[in-house]
Each structure stands twice: as C-alpha cells, then as structure tokens.
C-alpha cells in the first residue's frame, strides 16, 4: 500500500513538472499582444501580456528575466579599502578587484579595467521609463556605453553624427573614418548603444528627464537609449577626462574595453578609438 502511495505521488509530481515546463515554454515563446515582448517577460515585469499598449519599455528595449541572478557589486564608496572606482588612491592594492590606481590630470583615482563588472544602474530614459541597464545583459550583443553631458560640444557632435549628420564630426581631432563601421552596427541593431547623461545644457547643472527627452528629439535614433544619471554614478565610476567617453561591455556586463588611451593623446580617458575598434573586430 505504501509503495502504491509513493508511486502515485511520484506520478503526480512528474506530471506537474512536465506541465510547468510546458507552461514556461509557451510563455517564453508566445507574444500574445504582438508588442515585442514575450508573455513570460511581461508576466515577470508586471505588464499585461494581452494588451499591446501595456509594454515594458516604450522604446522597445530588451528585458532580461534573469537579471536578479546577476551579481551586483554596487557603486562602492571611499570609506574603506578596497576603494570604489572614482576614489582617490596611491596604489593599485587600494582599489577594488578589476580596478587600478591611475593618474588623471591633477588627481590619482581608482578606475575600472578589463573584466570589471558594471554595477546595476537604473535611470529615466527619453520616454520617461525607468530603465535597468541589466536588462541589456545576456542578450548576445555587445554594449557600448557613452558617459556624457549635453553641454559638451563634442558630445553634441557625436549625437548629431549618430542621428545621421556626418559633417561636423569629421572636424574633431579624434575622428577616424573607420568609426562609420560602428555607426552601421548601431543602425542595424547589431550592438546596443546607451548614452548616460549626468549634466544638462549648462555646465554644472544636474541632468533632468526633460533634457534627456530634448536630446532625443534633437538627435533622434530608434536604437539609441538615453538615460539620466543625476547622481553621476557612471561618471564617477569611469572618471572620464573628456566627453563623450565610451566603454565597451561584453554581453554579461563585464568591461571588454575600458575608456582609456595612451598618455598625452586625444583619447586619454575618453575612449573612442579603443572601444570602437574593439566593437568592429568583435562583430567581424
């Protein structure tokens, strides 16, 4: 009798697991309302999978249902060793793992190096949605992140170029013709491009969501995500010495190519050449 009960419980459990796997598969592959997000993604996020007006992101950005399993090291402060990126230091051993102590003009600070994990960051995009950068992880695409401001002229020139006007950018001293290959990758959706802004049109003024929307309207691009970072988390993390500053990340959100160049050249802590050329080589 006991053996029959055990067999019955095993059978019921087996059937339940099979049904659960089937339900998961259906949700993961169905997009009932044809809004670009699977029923599983919408159920996980909390939007209505049967209403195409109820979407995760108005911009159609990706959504990562497994992001809660990613390890978030956070934006570590400067109170104790190991110091977080952006903190003043005197040697590499004072900085956190996958960071180094580097001289930056008048200061010496911890900065991320290849392999560093990007901390989780959530900010308001051009459509007013709160966007989680970890949603771009594990989507089988590289991620280019630009740390920038609206007031910096080179940043506006970059935005103008990406939006389709290529005239002004060729006058910049850091311009290279092969950068056009990166624009092709962005236009075709082969890599993600995220612009993180911490200051607005006036130097020193904290960025606002309205200014993020303004930049998008001035230089529209359907594949470019503009996000407000009023606390300047990413700017502090990378410590750029010029704008725009670019970093290339692997699909798992580890740093592929830092924002750096050779001492004294136009790329120093700006990082256009190295991340752009790394993206080109990776996708070839």
C-alpha atoms as a PDB file:
ATOM      1  CA  UNK A   1       0.000   0.000   0.000  1.00  0.00           C
ATOM      2  CA  UNK A   2       2.825   2.389   0.916  1.00  0.00           C
ATOM      3  CA  UNK A   3       4.578   1.609  -2.368  1.00  0.00           C
ATOM      4  CA  UNK A   4       1.436   2.497  -4.304  1.00  0.00           C
ATOM      5  CA  UNK A   5       1.132   5.808  -2.479  1.00  0.00           C
ATOM      6  CA  UNK A   6       4.783   6.625  -3.230  1.00  0.00           C
ATOM      7  CA  UNK A   7       4.304   5.770  -6.897  1.00  0.00           C
ATOM      8  CA  UNK A   8       1.161   7.901  -7.044  1.00  0.00           C
ATOM      9  CA  UNK A   9       2.954  10.903  -5.508  1.00  0.00           C
ATOM     10  CA  UNK A  10       5.860  10.422  -7.916  1.00  0.00           C
ATOM     11  CA  UNK A  11       3.466  10.290 -10.884  1.00  0.00           C
ATOM     12  CA  UNK A  12       1.622  13.445  -9.826  1.00  0.00           C
ATOM     13  CA  UNK A  13       4.896  15.307  -9.222  1.00  0.00           C
ATOM     14  CA  UNK A  14       6.251  14.192 -12.602  1.00  0.00           C
ATOM     15  CA  UNK A  15       3.097  15.326 -14.372  1.00  0.00           C
ATOM     16  CA  UNK A  16       3.193  18.688 -12.581  1.00  0.00           C
ATOM     17  CA  UNK A  17       6.824  19.279 -13.536  1.00  0.00           C
ATOM     18  CA  UNK A  18       6.110  18.404 -17.152  1.00  0.00           C
ATOM     19  CA  UNK A  19       3.150  20.792 -17.214  1.00  0.00           C
ATOM     20  CA  UNK A  20       5.226  23.551 -15.564  1.00  0.00           C
ATOM     21  CA  UNK A  21       7.971  23.134 -18.169  1.00  0.00           C
ATOM     22  CA  UNK A  22       5.353  23.234 -20.918  1.00  0.00           C
ATOM     23  CA  UNK A  23       3.712  26.361 -19.484  1.00  0.00           C
ATOM     24  CA  UNK A  24       7.119  28.072 -19.182  1.00  0.00           C
ATOM     25  CA  UNK A  25       7.980  27.181 -22.769  1.00  0.00           C
ATOM     26  CA  UNK A  26       4.678  28.562 -24.043  1.00  0.00           C
ATOM     27  CA  UNK A  27       5.083  31.814 -22.105  1.00  0.00           C
ATOM     28  CA  UNK A  28       8.706  32.172 -23.218  1.00  0.00           C
ATOM     29  CA  UNK A  29       7.842  31.797 -26.902  1.00  0.00           C
ATOM     30  CA  UNK A  30       4.433  33.472 -27.157  1.00  0.00           C
ATOM     31  CA  UNK A  31       3.787  37.170 -27.669  1.00  0.00           C
ATOM     32  CA  UNK A  32       0.016  37.237 -27.394  1.00  0.00           C
ATOM     33  CA  UNK A  33      -0.389  41.001 -27.926  1.00  0.00           C
ATOM     34  CA  UNK A  34       2.416  41.324 -30.527  1.00  0.00           C
ATOM     35  CA  UNK A  35       4.122  44.162 -28.649  1.00  0.00           C
ATOM     36  CA  UNK A  36       7.640  42.762 -28.994  1.00  0.00           C
ATOM     37  CA  UNK A  37       7.791  41.248 -25.507  1.00  0.00           C
ATOM     38  CA  UNK A  38       7.067  37.603 -24.741  1.00  0.00           C
ATOM     39  CA  UNK A  39       4.270  36.676 -22.369  1.00  0.00           C
ATOM     40  CA  UNK A  40       6.921  35.415 -19.939  1.00  0.00           C
ATOM     41  CA  UNK A  41       8.750  38.763 -19.968  1.00  0.00           C
ATOM     42  CA  UNK A  42       5.531  40.709 -19.413  1.00  0.00           C
ATOM     43  CA  UNK A  43       4.381  38.385 -16.657  1.00  0.00           C
ATOM     44  CA  UNK A  44       7.755  38.742 -14.960  1.00  0.00           C
ATOM     45  CA  UNK A  45       7.735  42.542 -15.299  1.00  0.00           C
ATOM     46  CA  UNK A  46       4.066  43.013 -14.405  1.00  0.00           C
ATOM     47  CA  UNK A  47       2.650  44.393 -17.665  1.00  0.00           C
ATOM     48  CA  UNK A  48      -0.403  42.893 -19.386  1.00  0.00           C
ATOM     49  CA  UNK A  49       0.600  40.251 -21.995  1.00  0.00           C
ATOM     50  CA  UNK A  50      -2.813  40.644 -23.644  1.00  0.00           C
ATOM     51  CA  UNK A  51      -2.678  44.442 -24.060  1.00  0.00           C
ATOM     52  CA  UNK A  52      -0.292  45.851 -26.682  1.00  0.00           C
ATOM     53  CA  UNK A  53      -0.482  49.265 -25.020  1.00  0.00           C
ATOM     54  CA  UNK A  54       0.867  47.772 -21.800  1.00  0.00           C
ATOM     55  CA  UNK A  55       4.565  47.377 -22.595  1.00  0.00           C
ATOM     56  CA  UNK A  56       7.734  47.024 -20.563  1.00  0.00           C
ATOM     57  CA  UNK A  57       9.634  49.822 -22.317  1.00  0.00           C
ATOM     58  CA  UNK A  58       8.108  52.287 -24.764  1.00  0.00           C
ATOM     59  CA  UNK A  59      11.417  52.325 -26.635  1.00  0.00           C
ATOM     60  CA  UNK A  60      11.249  48.585 -27.187  1.00  0.00           C
ATOM     61  CA  UNK A  61      14.453  47.969 -25.222  1.00  0.00           C
ATOM     62  CA  UNK A  62      15.270  44.387 -24.247  1.00  0.00           C
ATOM     63  CA  UNK A  63      14.171  42.819 -20.969  1.00  0.00           C
ATOM     64  CA  UNK A  64      16.208  40.275 -19.024  1.00  0.00           C
ATOM     65  CA  UNK A  65      14.081  37.934 -16.905  1.00  0.00           C
ATOM     66  CA  UNK A  66      17.229  36.509 -15.276  1.00  0.00           C
ATOM     67  CA  UNK A  67      18.771  39.816 -14.157  1.00  0.00           C
ATOM     68  CA  UNK A  68      18.076  39.159 -10.478  1.00  0.00           C
ATOM     69  CA  UNK A  69      20.588  36.309 -10.685  1.00  0.00           C
ATOM     70  CA  UNK A  70      23.377  38.668 -11.768  1.00  0.00           C
ATOM     71  CA  UNK A  71      25.932  39.628  -9.130  1.00  0.00           C
ATOM     72  CA  UNK A  72      25.717  43.363  -8.423  1.00  0.00           C
ATOM     73  CA  UNK A  73      28.821  44.709  -6.672  1.00  0.00           C
ATOM     74  CA  UNK A  74      27.266  48.166  -6.409  1.00  0.00           C
ATOM     75  CA  UNK A  75      28.905  51.577  -6.635  1.00  0.00           C
ATOM     76  CA  UNK A  76      31.348  51.196  -3.752  1.00  0.00           C
ATOM     77  CA  UNK A  77      32.296  54.309  -1.774  1.00  0.00           C
ATOM     78  CA  UNK A  78      35.591  55.680  -0.488  1.00  0.00           C
ATOM     79  CA  UNK A  79      35.182  54.995   3.233  1.00  0.00           C
ATOM     80  CA  UNK A  80      37.391  51.913   3.433  1.00  0.00           C
ATOM     81  CA  UNK A  81      39.806  49.805   1.397  1.00  0.00           C
ATOM     82  CA  UNK A  82      39.230  48.433  -1.163  1.00  0.00           C
ATOM     83  CA  UNK A  83      38.031  51.775  -2.518  1.00  0.00           C
ATOM     84  CA  UNK A  84      35.375  52.039  -5.188  1.00  0.00           C
ATOM     85  CA  UNK A  85      36.065  53.389  -8.651  1.00  0.00           C
ATOM     86  CA  UNK A  86      36.436  57.158  -8.680  1.00  0.00           C
ATOM     87  CA  UNK A  87      38.037  57.283  -5.223  1.00  0.00           C
ATOM     88  CA  UNK A  88      41.471  58.821  -4.703  1.00  0.00           C
ATOM     89  CA  UNK A  89      44.279  56.298  -4.246  1.00  0.00           C
ATOM     90  CA  UNK A  90      48.054  55.928  -4.189  1.00  0.00           C
ATOM     91  CA  UNK A  91      48.469  52.325  -5.395  1.00  0.00           C
ATOM     92  CA  UNK A  92      46.533  49.543  -7.151  1.00  0.00           C
ATOM     93  CA  UNK A  93      46.134  47.455  -3.989  1.00  0.00           C
ATOM     94  CA  UNK A  94      43.832  50.121  -2.529  1.00  0.00           C
ATOM     95  CA  UNK A  95      41.308  49.669  -5.355  1.00  0.00           C
ATOM     96  CA  UNK A  96      38.626  47.011  -5.670  1.00  0.00           C
ATOM     97  CA  UNK A  97      39.045  43.905  -7.831  1.00  0.00           C
ATOM     98  CA  UNK A  98      39.428  44.571 -11.573  1.00  0.00           C
ATOM     99  CA  UNK A  99      40.358  48.198 -10.897  1.00  0.00           C
ATOM    100  CA  UNK A 100      43.633  50.101 -10.876  1.00  0.00           C
ATOM    101  CA  UNK A 101      45.023  53.320  -9.444  1.00  0.00           C
ATOM    102  CA  UNK A 102      45.681  55.771 -12.261  1.00  0.00           C
ATOM    103  CA  UNK A 103      46.925  59.348 -12.525  1.00  0.00           C
ATOM    104  CA  UNK A 104      44.237  61.559 -14.076  1.00  0.00           C
ATOM    105  CA  UNK A 105      45.465  65.103 -14.654  1.00  0.00           C
ATOM    106  CA  UNK A 106      45.604  66.568 -11.111  1.00  0.00           C
ATOM    107  CA  UNK A 107      44.442  63.509  -9.133  1.00  0.00           C
ATOM    108  CA  UNK A 108      45.065  59.789  -8.799  1.00  0.00           C
ATOM    109  CA  UNK A 109      41.960  57.611  -8.738  1.00  0.00           C
ATOM    110  CA  UNK A 110      40.694  54.049  -8.902  1.00  0.00           C
ATOM    111  CA  UNK A 111      39.326  53.263 -12.362  1.00  0.00           C
ATOM    112  CA  UNK A 112      37.864  50.063 -13.862  1.00  0.00           C
ATOM    113  CA  UNK A 113      39.963  47.828 -16.057  1.00  0.00           C
ATOM    114  CA  UNK A 114      39.111  44.982 -18.416  1.00  0.00           C
ATOM    115  CA  UNK A 115      36.879  42.402 -16.731  1.00  0.00           C
ATOM    116  CA  UNK A 116      35.287  44.807 -14.243  1.00  0.00           C
ATOM    117  CA  UNK A 117      31.582  44.174 -13.615  1.00  0.00           C
ATOM    118  CA  UNK A 118      29.324  47.155 -14.268  1.00  0.00           C
ATOM    119  CA  UNK A 119      27.189  47.838 -11.173  1.00  0.00           C
ATOM    120  CA  UNK A 120      23.430  47.759 -11.642  1.00  0.00           C
ATOM    121  CA  UNK A 121      22.095  51.148 -12.656  1.00  0.00           C
ATOM    122  CA  UNK A 122      18.521  52.327 -13.224  1.00  0.00           C
ATOM    123  CA  UNK A 123      17.686  55.694 -14.772  1.00  0.00           C
ATOM    124  CA  UNK A 124      14.919  57.522 -16.627  1.00  0.00           C
ATOM    125  CA  UNK A 125      15.087  57.290 -20.421  1.00  0.00           C
ATOM    126  CA  UNK A 126      13.843  59.616 -23.180  1.00  0.00           C
ATOM    127  CA  UNK A 127      10.330  58.182 -22.917  1.00  0.00           C
ATOM    128  CA  UNK A 128      10.041  58.592 -19.156  1.00  0.00           C
ATOM    129  CA  UNK A 129      10.569  54.902 -18.354  1.00  0.00           C
ATOM    130  CA  UNK A 130      12.893  53.691 -15.608  1.00  0.00           C
ATOM    131  CA  UNK A 131      15.422  51.574 -17.494  1.00  0.00           C
ATOM    132  CA  UNK A 132      17.610  48.936 -15.852  1.00  0.00           C
ATOM    133  CA  UNK A 133      20.973  48.520 -17.613  1.00  0.00           C
ATOM    134  CA  UNK A 134      20.998  44.870 -16.559  1.00  0.00           C
ATOM    135  CA  UNK A 135      18.119  44.309 -18.995  1.00  0.00           C
ATOM    136  CA  UNK A 136      20.701  44.625 -21.774  1.00  0.00           C
ATOM    137  CA  UNK A 137      22.791  41.818 -20.303  1.00  0.00           C
ATOM    138  CA  UNK A 138      22.819  38.287 -21.720  1.00  0.00           C
ATOM    139  CA  UNK A 139      21.181  39.329 -24.994  1.00  0.00           C
ATOM    140  CA  UNK A 140      24.107  38.068 -27.142  1.00  0.00           C
ATOM    141  CA  UNK A 141      25.127  41.614 -28.068  1.00  0.00           C
ATOM    142  CA  UNK A 142      27.973  43.906 -27.099  1.00  0.00           C
ATOM    143  CA  UNK A 143      27.008  47.099 -25.273  1.00  0.00           C
ATOM    144  CA  UNK A 144      28.592  50.492 -25.947  1.00  0.00           C
ATOM    145  CA  UNK A 145      28.016  52.942 -23.096  1.00  0.00           C
ATOM    146  CA  UNK A 146      28.684  56.641 -23.569  1.00  0.00           C
ATOM    147  CA  UNK A 147      29.158  58.754 -20.455  1.00  0.00           C
ATOM    148  CA  UNK A 148      28.381  62.308 -21.406  1.00  0.00           C
ATOM    149  CA  UNK A 149      26.717  65.698 -20.899  1.00  0.00           C
ATOM    150  CA  UNK A 150      24.528  67.854 -23.107  1.00  0.00           C
ATOM    151  CA  UNK A 151      26.685  70.985 -22.719  1.00  0.00           C
ATOM    152  CA  UNK A 152      29.865  69.404 -24.120  1.00  0.00           C
ATOM    153  CA  UNK A 153      30.154  70.284 -27.820  1.00  0.00           C
ATOM    154  CA  UNK A 154      31.915  67.028 -28.834  1.00  0.00           C
ATOM    155  CA  UNK A 155      29.016  65.110 -27.280  1.00  0.00           C
ATOM    156  CA  UNK A 156      26.515  67.045 -29.381  1.00  0.00           C
ATOM    157  CA  UNK A 157      28.637  66.444 -32.467  1.00  0.00           C
ATOM    158  CA  UNK A 158      28.662  62.718 -31.684  1.00  0.00           C
ATOM    159  CA  UNK A 159      24.877  62.699 -31.210  1.00  0.00           C
ATOM    160  CA  UNK A 160      24.434  64.600 -34.467  1.00  0.00           C
ATOM    161  CA  UNK A 161      26.613  62.088 -36.332  1.00  0.00           C
ATOM    162  CA  UNK A 162      24.775  59.096 -34.908  1.00  0.00           C
ATOM    163  CA  UNK A 163      21.486  60.762 -35.858  1.00  0.00           C
ATOM    164  CA  UNK A 164      22.567  60.954 -39.496  1.00  0.00           C
ATOM    165  CA  UNK A 165      24.534  64.188 -39.996  1.00  0.00           C
ATOM    166  CA  UNK A 166      28.200  63.379 -40.574  1.00  0.00           C
ATOM    167  CA  UNK A 167      29.576  66.824 -41.462  1.00  0.00           C
ATOM    168  CA  UNK A 168      30.754  68.278 -38.134  1.00  0.00           C
ATOM    169  CA  UNK A 169      32.282  65.151 -36.634  1.00  0.00           C
ATOM    170  CA  UNK A 170      34.989  64.922 -39.285  1.00  0.00           C
ATOM    171  CA  UNK A 171      36.451  68.150 -37.916  1.00  0.00           C
ATOM    172  CA  UNK A 172      37.079  66.589 -34.471  1.00  0.00           C
ATOM    173  CA  UNK A 173      40.727  65.736 -33.844  1.00  0.00           C
ATOM    174  CA  UNK A 174      39.831  62.236 -32.648  1.00  0.00           C
ATOM    175  CA  UNK A 175      37.776  61.337 -35.738  1.00  0.00           C
ATOM    176  CA  UNK A 176      38.669  58.226 -37.763  1.00  0.00           C
ATOM    177  CA  UNK A 177      36.881  57.067 -40.901  1.00  0.00           C
ATOM    178  CA  UNK A 178      36.506  53.521 -39.604  1.00  0.00           C
ATOM    179  CA  UNK A 179      34.202  54.866 -36.861  1.00  0.00           C
ATOM    180  CA  UNK A 180      31.494  54.781 -39.540  1.00  0.00           C
ATOM    181  CA  UNK A 181      31.539  50.992 -39.193  1.00  0.00           C
ATOM    182  CA  UNK A 182      30.401  51.401 -35.584  1.00  0.00           C
ATOM    183  CA  UNK A 183      27.506  53.579 -36.689  1.00  0.00           C
ATOM    184  CA  UNK A 184      26.498  50.822 -39.116  1.00  0.00           C
ATOM    185  CA  UNK A 185      26.440  48.317 -36.240  1.00  0.00           C
ATOM    186  CA  UNK A 186      24.234  50.645 -34.187  1.00  0.00           C
ATOM    187  CA  UNK A 187      21.922  51.421 -37.120  1.00  0.00           C
ATOM    188  CA  UNK A 188      21.484  47.702 -37.847  1.00  0.00           C
ATOM    189  CA  UNK A 189      20.859  46.840 -34.200  1.00  0.00           C
ATOM    190  CA  UNK A 190      23.895  44.552 -34.012  1.00  0.00           C
ATOM    191  CA  UNK A 191      25.165  46.221 -30.830  1.00  0.00           C
ATOM    192  CA  UNK A 192      23.477  48.260 -28.108  1.00  0.00           C
ATOM    193  CA  UNK A 193      24.325  51.933 -27.646  1.00  0.00           C
ATOM    194  CA  UNK A 194      23.425  53.555 -24.339  1.00  0.00           C
ATOM    195  CA  UNK A 195      24.093  57.233 -23.637  1.00  0.00           C
ATOM    196  CA  UNK A 196      24.212  58.054 -19.916  1.00  0.00           C
ATOM    197  CA  UNK A 197      23.952  61.783 -19.139  1.00  0.00           C
ATOM    198  CA  UNK A 198      24.751  63.404 -15.781  1.00  0.00           C
ATOM    199  CA  UNK A 199      24.657  67.115 -16.707  1.00  0.00           C
ATOM    200  CA  UNK A 200      22.331  69.141 -18.923  1.00  0.00           C
ATOM    201  CA  UNK A 201      22.724  72.056 -21.333  1.00  0.00           C
ATOM    202  CA  UNK A 202      24.501  74.242 -18.748  1.00  0.00           C
ATOM    203  CA  UNK A 203      27.802  73.048 -17.293  1.00  0.00           C
ATOM    204  CA  UNK A 204      27.307  72.038 -13.684  1.00  0.00           C
ATOM    205  CA  UNK A 205      23.518  71.722 -13.906  1.00  0.00           C
ATOM    206  CA  UNK A 206      22.200  68.283 -12.983  1.00  0.00           C
ATOM    207  CA  UNK A 207      20.513  66.457 -15.858  1.00  0.00           C
ATOM    208  CA  UNK A 208      16.699  66.267 -15.865  1.00  0.00           C
ATOM    209  CA  UNK A 209      14.366  63.797 -17.612  1.00  0.00           C
ATOM    210  CA  UNK A 210      13.047  66.655 -19.758  1.00  0.00           C
ATOM    211  CA  UNK A 211      16.561  67.334 -21.062  1.00  0.00           C
ATOM    212  CA  UNK A 212      17.031  63.657 -21.872  1.00  0.00           C
ATOM    213  CA  UNK A 213      13.824  63.782 -23.926  1.00  0.00           C
ATOM    214  CA  UNK A 214      15.013  67.015 -25.575  1.00  0.00           C
ATOM    215  CA  UNK A 215      18.292  65.436 -26.670  1.00  0.00           C
ATOM    216  CA  UNK A 216      16.445  62.503 -28.184  1.00  0.00           C
ATOM    217  CA  UNK A 217      14.105  64.814 -30.099  1.00  0.00           C
ATOM    218  CA  UNK A 218      17.023  66.938 -31.309  1.00  0.00           C
ATOM    219  CA  UNK A 219      19.093  63.931 -32.394  1.00  0.00           C
ATOM    220  CA  UNK A 220      16.686  61.014 -32.805  1.00  0.00           C
ATOM    221  CA  UNK A 221      17.816  57.437 -33.279  1.00  0.00           C
ATOM    222  CA  UNK A 222      15.496  54.489 -32.759  1.00  0.00           C
ATOM    223  CA  UNK A 223      18.279  52.244 -31.423  1.00  0.00           C
ATOM    224  CA  UNK A 224      19.944  54.662 -29.002  1.00  0.00           C
ATOM    225  CA  UNK A 225      18.933  54.698 -25.357  1.00  0.00           C
ATOM    226  CA  UNK A 226      19.373  57.996 -23.497  1.00  0.00           C
ATOM    227  CA  UNK A 227      19.336  57.743 -19.699  1.00  0.00           C
ATOM    228  CA  UNK A 228      19.551  60.352 -16.946  1.00  0.00           C
ATOM    229  CA  UNK A 229      22.161  59.841 -14.219  1.00  0.00           C
ATOM    230  CA  UNK A 230      21.612  62.849 -11.911  1.00  0.00           C
ATOM    231  CA  UNK A 231      23.855  61.368  -9.199  1.00  0.00           C
ATOM    232  CA  UNK A 232      26.660  60.898 -11.771  1.00  0.00           C
ATOM    233  CA  UNK A 233      27.191  57.273 -10.769  1.00  0.00           C
ATOM    234  CA  UNK A 234      28.723  56.188 -14.075  1.00  0.00           C
ATOM    235  CA  UNK A 235      30.760  59.371 -14.468  1.00  0.00           C
ATOM    236  CA  UNK A 236      32.300  58.734 -11.047  1.00  0.00           C
ATOM    237  CA  UNK A 237      32.827  55.044 -11.872  1.00  0.00           C
ATOM    238  CA  UNK A 238      34.793  55.683 -15.090  1.00  0.00           C
ATOM    239  CA  UNK A 239      36.388  59.084 -14.274  1.00  0.00           C
ATOM    240  CA  UNK A 240      36.472  60.464 -17.840  1.00  0.00           C
ATOM    241  CA  UNK A 241      38.796  63.334 -18.745  1.00  0.00           C
ATOM    242  CA  UNK A 242      36.768  64.321 -21.795  1.00  0.00           C
ATOM    243  CA  UNK A 243      33.325  63.927 -23.296  1.00  0.00           C
ATOM    244  CA  UNK A 244      31.983  61.838 -24.832  1.00  0.00           C
ATOM    245  CA  UNK A 245      33.645  58.936 -23.041  1.00  0.00           C
ATOM    246  CA  UNK A 246      32.988  55.422 -24.367  1.00  0.00           C
ATOM    247  CA  UNK A 247      33.278  51.961 -22.841  1.00  0.00           C
ATOM    248  CA  UNK A 248      32.564  48.608 -24.487  1.00  0.00           C
ATOM    249  CA  UNK A 249      30.947  45.856 -22.424  1.00  0.00           C
ATOM    250  CA  UNK A 250      30.571  42.144 -23.037  1.00  0.00           C
ATOM    251  CA  UNK A 251      27.046  40.678 -23.129  1.00  0.00           C
ATOM    252  CA  UNK A 252      27.448  39.681 -19.458  1.00  0.00           C
ATOM    253  CA  UNK A 253      28.106  43.325 -18.490  1.00  0.00           C
ATOM    254  CA  UNK A 254      31.819  42.863 -17.808  1.00  0.00           C
ATOM    255  CA  UNK A 255      34.108  45.524 -19.224  1.00  0.00           C
ATOM    256  CA  UNK A 256      35.534  44.472 -22.580  1.00  0.00           C
ATOM    257  CA  UNK A 257      37.421  47.662 -23.450  1.00  0.00           C
ATOM    258  CA  UNK A 258      37.922  50.470 -20.899  1.00  0.00           C
ATOM    259  CA  UNK A 259      37.659  54.155 -21.625  1.00  0.00           C
ATOM    260  CA  UNK A 260      41.344  54.889 -21.959  1.00  0.00           C
ATOM    261  CA  UNK A 261      44.155  55.671 -24.344  1.00  0.00           C
ATOM    262  CA  UNK A 262      47.850  56.493 -24.346  1.00  0.00           C
ATOM    263  CA  UNK A 263      49.227  59.223 -22.093  1.00  0.00           C
ATOM    264  CA  UNK A 264      49.039  62.605 -23.760  1.00  0.00           C
ATOM    265  CA  UNK A 265      46.924  61.630 -26.758  1.00  0.00           C
ATOM    266  CA  UNK A 266      43.443  62.836 -27.672  1.00  0.00           C
ATOM    267  CA  UNK A 267      41.863  59.588 -26.478  1.00  0.00           C
ATOM    268  CA  UNK A 268      43.037  59.680 -22.835  1.00  0.00           C
ATOM    269  CA  UNK A 269      40.129  58.549 -20.606  1.00  0.00           C
ATOM    270  CA  UNK A 270      37.833  59.454 -23.467  1.00  0.00           C
ATOM    271  CA  UNK A 271      37.965  56.037 -25.053  1.00  0.00           C
ATOM    272  CA  UNK A 272      36.618  56.376 -28.569  1.00  0.00           C
ATOM    273  CA  UNK A 273      39.288  54.620 -30.585  1.00  0.00           C
ATOM    274  CA  UNK A 274      39.823  51.512 -28.446  1.00  0.00           C
ATOM    275  CA  UNK A 275      36.135  50.674 -27.711  1.00  0.00           C
ATOM    276  CA  UNK A 276      35.012  51.463 -31.262  1.00  0.00           C
ATOM    277  CA  UNK A 277      37.718  49.372 -32.914  1.00  0.00           C
ATOM    278  CA  UNK A 278      37.152  46.540 -30.429  1.00  0.00           C
ATOM    279  CA  UNK A 279      33.450  46.509 -31.369  1.00  0.00           C
ATOM    280  CA  UNK A 280      34.335  46.365 -35.057  1.00  0.00           C
ATOM    281  CA  UNK A 281      36.783  43.490 -34.537  1.00  0.00           C
ATOM    282  CA  UNK A 282      34.385  41.563 -32.279  1.00  0.00           C
ATOM    283  CA  UNK A 283      31.464  41.619 -34.694  1.00  0.00           C
ATOM    284  CA  UNK A 284      33.527  40.768 -37.806  1.00  0.00           C
END
